[in-house]
Amino acid sequence: MAFPIKTCSVCGEEFELKPDKPGFANRCPECSIPEATAPVPQRRMDAGERKTASEANQARKRAMRDLLYRKDS
């Protein structure tokens, strides 16, 4: 059984699309190798920011609940 021939969307080279190929189906194996990027460390939130985020989440939940479960009279 022959594998389908695809053209890489990054470099334009043709390659066989084989099962269990890592990466994307429209990229050749060389272009599918993940780029080595350093993870961005998360910034810590202080107490004021946590409280503000918590209040915003509560207001968002309340608004969604009111929209979903209001009674149309």
N, C-alpha and C. Protein backbone atom coordinates (compact mmCIF):
# COMPACT_ATOMS: atom_id res chain seq x y z
N MET A 1 0.84 -1.17 0.00
CA MET A 1 0.00 0.00 0.00
C MET A 1 0.89 1.24 0.00
N ALA A 2 0.66 2.12 -0.92
CA ALA A 2 1.45 3.34 -1.03
C ALA A 2 0.87 4.43 -0.13
N PHE A 3 1.76 5.20 0.45
CA PHE A 3 1.32 6.29 1.30
C PHE A 3 1.06 7.53 0.43
N PRO A 4 0.12 8.39 0.82
CA PRO A 4 -0.15 9.59 0.01
C PRO A 4 1.03 10.53 0.04
N ILE A 5 1.26 11.18 -1.09
CA ILE A 5 2.34 12.16 -1.23
C ILE A 5 1.74 13.53 -0.92
N LYS A 6 2.34 14.22 0.02
CA LYS A 6 1.91 15.56 0.42
C LYS A 6 3.02 16.55 0.16
N THR A 7 2.67 17.82 0.06
CA THR A 7 3.64 18.89 -0.08
C THR A 7 3.68 19.68 1.21
N CYS A 8 4.87 19.90 1.71
CA CYS A 8 5.04 20.61 2.98
C CYS A 8 4.60 22.06 2.83
N SER A 9 3.81 22.54 3.79
CA SER A 9 3.32 23.92 3.72
C SER A 9 4.39 24.93 4.13
N VAL A 10 5.48 24.46 4.72
CA VAL A 10 6.53 25.38 5.17
C VAL A 10 7.64 25.49 4.13
N CYS A 11 8.23 24.33 3.75
CA CYS A 11 9.38 24.37 2.86
C CYS A 11 9.05 23.99 1.42
N GLY A 12 7.88 23.39 1.16
CA GLY A 12 7.48 23.06 -0.19
C GLY A 12 7.99 21.71 -0.67
N GLU A 13 8.70 20.96 0.15
CA GLU A 13 9.20 19.64 -0.23
C GLU A 13 8.06 18.62 -0.22
N GLU A 14 8.17 17.61 -1.06
CA GLU A 14 7.19 16.53 -1.06
C GLU A 14 7.64 15.44 -0.09
N PHE A 15 6.67 14.81 0.59
CA PHE A 15 6.98 13.75 1.53
C PHE A 15 5.81 12.79 1.56
N GLU A 16 6.08 11.57 2.05
CA GLU A 16 5.03 10.57 2.21
C GLU A 16 4.39 10.75 3.57
N LEU A 17 3.08 10.81 3.60
CA LEU A 17 2.36 10.92 4.86
C LEU A 17 2.14 9.53 5.41
N LYS A 18 2.96 9.16 6.39
CA LYS A 18 2.91 7.82 6.98
C LYS A 18 2.14 7.86 8.29
N PRO A 19 1.53 6.73 8.67
CA PRO A 19 0.85 6.69 9.97
C PRO A 19 1.84 6.88 11.11
N ASP A 20 1.38 7.47 12.17
CA ASP A 20 2.19 7.73 13.37
C ASP A 20 3.34 8.69 13.12
N LYS A 21 3.21 9.54 12.08
CA LYS A 21 4.21 10.56 11.82
C LYS A 21 4.03 11.65 12.86
N PRO A 22 5.09 12.05 13.56
CA PRO A 22 4.94 13.12 14.55
C PRO A 22 4.71 14.46 13.87
N GLY A 23 4.01 15.34 14.52
CA GLY A 23 3.81 16.69 13.99
C GLY A 23 2.54 16.83 13.19
N PHE A 24 2.53 17.82 12.33
CA PHE A 24 1.35 18.16 11.54
C PHE A 24 1.30 17.35 10.25
N ALA A 25 0.09 17.12 9.74
CA ALA A 25 -0.07 16.32 8.52
C ALA A 25 0.31 17.10 7.27
N ASN A 26 0.40 18.43 7.35
CA ASN A 26 0.76 19.21 6.17
C ASN A 26 2.21 19.69 6.22
N ARG A 27 3.03 19.12 7.12
CA ARG A 27 4.45 19.49 7.21
C ARG A 27 5.32 18.25 7.12
N CYS A 28 6.48 18.39 6.49
CA CYS A 28 7.41 17.27 6.39
C CYS A 28 8.01 16.99 7.76
N PRO A 29 8.63 15.83 7.95
CA PRO A 29 9.20 15.50 9.28
C PRO A 29 10.23 16.51 9.76
N GLU A 30 11.02 17.10 8.86
CA GLU A 30 12.03 18.07 9.28
C GLU A 30 11.38 19.35 9.80
N CYS A 31 10.27 19.77 9.19
CA CYS A 31 9.60 21.00 9.62
C CYS A 31 8.66 20.76 10.80
N SER A 32 8.38 19.49 11.10
CA SER A 32 7.47 19.17 12.21
C SER A 32 8.17 19.14 13.56
N ILE A 33 9.49 19.20 13.56
CA ILE A 33 10.23 19.17 14.83
C ILE A 33 9.87 20.43 15.62
N PRO A 34 9.42 20.27 16.85
CA PRO A 34 9.01 21.45 17.63
C PRO A 34 10.20 22.37 17.87
N GLU A 35 9.90 23.66 17.87
CA GLU A 35 10.95 24.65 18.12
C GLU A 35 11.27 24.67 19.60
N ALA A 36 12.54 24.86 19.91
CA ALA A 36 12.97 24.90 21.31
C ALA A 36 12.71 26.29 21.85
N THR A 37 11.59 26.45 22.54
CA THR A 37 11.27 27.74 23.13
C THR A 37 11.28 27.58 24.65
N ALA A 38 11.78 28.58 25.30
CA ALA A 38 11.83 28.55 26.76
C ALA A 38 10.43 28.85 27.29
N PRO A 39 9.96 28.08 28.26
CA PRO A 39 8.64 28.36 28.82
C PRO A 39 8.65 29.70 29.56
N VAL A 40 7.57 30.42 29.41
CA VAL A 40 7.45 31.73 30.05
C VAL A 40 6.97 31.50 31.49
N PRO A 41 7.75 31.92 32.46
CA PRO A 41 7.32 31.71 33.85
C PRO A 41 6.09 32.56 34.16
N GLN A 42 5.17 31.97 34.91
CA GLN A 42 3.97 32.71 35.27
C GLN A 42 4.30 33.73 36.35
N ARG A 43 3.70 34.89 36.20
CA ARG A 43 3.91 35.95 37.17
C ARG A 43 3.00 35.70 38.36
N ARG A 44 3.53 35.84 39.54
CA ARG A 44 2.74 35.64 40.76
C ARG A 44 1.80 36.82 40.96
N MET A 45 0.59 36.50 41.44
CA MET A 45 -0.39 37.54 41.71
C MET A 45 -0.37 37.85 43.21
N ASP A 46 -0.51 39.14 43.53
CA ASP A 46 -0.60 39.48 44.93
C ASP A 46 -2.05 39.39 45.39
N ALA A 47 -2.30 39.66 46.66
CA ALA A 47 -3.63 39.48 47.24
C ALA A 47 -4.68 40.34 46.56
N GLY A 48 -4.34 41.57 46.22
CA GLY A 48 -5.29 42.47 45.56
C GLY A 48 -5.70 41.97 44.18
N GLU A 49 -4.72 41.48 43.43
CA GLU A 49 -5.02 40.95 42.09
C GLU A 49 -5.87 39.69 42.17
N ARG A 50 -5.58 38.83 43.16
CA ARG A 50 -6.39 37.61 43.33
C ARG A 50 -7.83 37.95 43.68
N LYS A 51 -8.01 38.94 44.55
CA LYS A 51 -9.36 39.35 44.95
C LYS A 51 -10.12 39.94 43.76
N THR A 52 -9.44 40.77 42.96
CA THR A 52 -10.07 41.36 41.79
C THR A 52 -10.46 40.28 40.78
N ALA A 53 -9.58 39.32 40.56
CA ALA A 53 -9.88 38.23 39.62
C ALA A 53 -11.02 37.38 40.14
N SER A 54 -11.05 37.12 41.44
CA SER A 54 -12.11 36.33 42.03
C SER A 54 -13.46 37.03 41.89
N GLU A 55 -13.49 38.34 42.14
CA GLU A 55 -14.73 39.10 41.99
C GLU A 55 -15.20 39.12 40.54
N ALA A 56 -14.27 39.25 39.62
CA ALA A 56 -14.63 39.25 38.21
C ALA A 56 -15.20 37.89 37.81
N ASN A 57 -14.60 36.81 38.30
CA ASN A 57 -15.11 35.47 38.00
C ASN A 57 -16.50 35.26 38.58
N GLN A 58 -16.73 35.73 39.80
CA GLN A 58 -18.05 35.61 40.40
C GLN A 58 -19.09 36.38 39.62
N ALA A 59 -18.76 37.60 39.19
CA ALA A 59 -19.69 38.40 38.40
C ALA A 59 -19.98 37.73 37.07
N ARG A 60 -18.95 37.15 36.46
CA ARG A 60 -19.13 36.45 35.18
C ARG A 60 -20.04 35.24 35.35
N LYS A 61 -19.83 34.47 36.42
CA LYS A 61 -20.68 33.31 36.68
C LYS A 61 -22.13 33.73 36.94
N ARG A 62 -22.31 34.80 37.71
CA ARG A 62 -23.65 35.28 38.02
C ARG A 62 -24.36 35.73 36.74
N ALA A 63 -23.65 36.44 35.87
CA ALA A 63 -24.25 36.90 34.62
C ALA A 63 -24.63 35.72 33.73
N MET A 64 -23.77 34.72 33.63
CA MET A 64 -24.09 33.53 32.82
C MET A 64 -25.28 32.79 33.40
N ARG A 65 -25.32 32.65 34.73
CA ARG A 65 -26.44 31.97 35.37
C ARG A 65 -27.75 32.72 35.11
N ASP A 66 -27.70 34.04 35.21
CA ASP A 66 -28.90 34.84 34.97
C ASP A 66 -29.37 34.73 33.53
N LEU A 67 -28.43 34.70 32.59
CA LEU A 67 -28.80 34.58 31.18
C LEU A 67 -29.36 33.20 30.87
N LEU A 68 -28.77 32.17 31.46
CA LEU A 68 -29.20 30.80 31.12
C LEU A 68 -30.50 30.41 31.79
N TYR A 69 -30.70 30.85 33.02
CA TYR A 69 -31.82 30.34 33.80
C TYR A 69 -32.90 31.36 34.10
N ARG A 70 -32.90 32.48 33.40
CA ARG A 70 -33.96 33.46 33.66
C ARG A 70 -35.29 32.94 33.09
N LYS A 71 -36.35 33.38 33.71
CA LYS A 71 -37.67 32.95 33.26
C LYS A 71 -38.23 34.02 32.34
N ASP A 72 -38.61 33.61 31.14
CA ASP A 72 -39.21 34.55 30.20
C ASP A 72 -40.69 34.66 30.51
N SER A 73 -41.11 35.84 30.97
CA SER A 73 -42.50 36.03 31.36
C SER A 73 -43.28 36.72 30.26
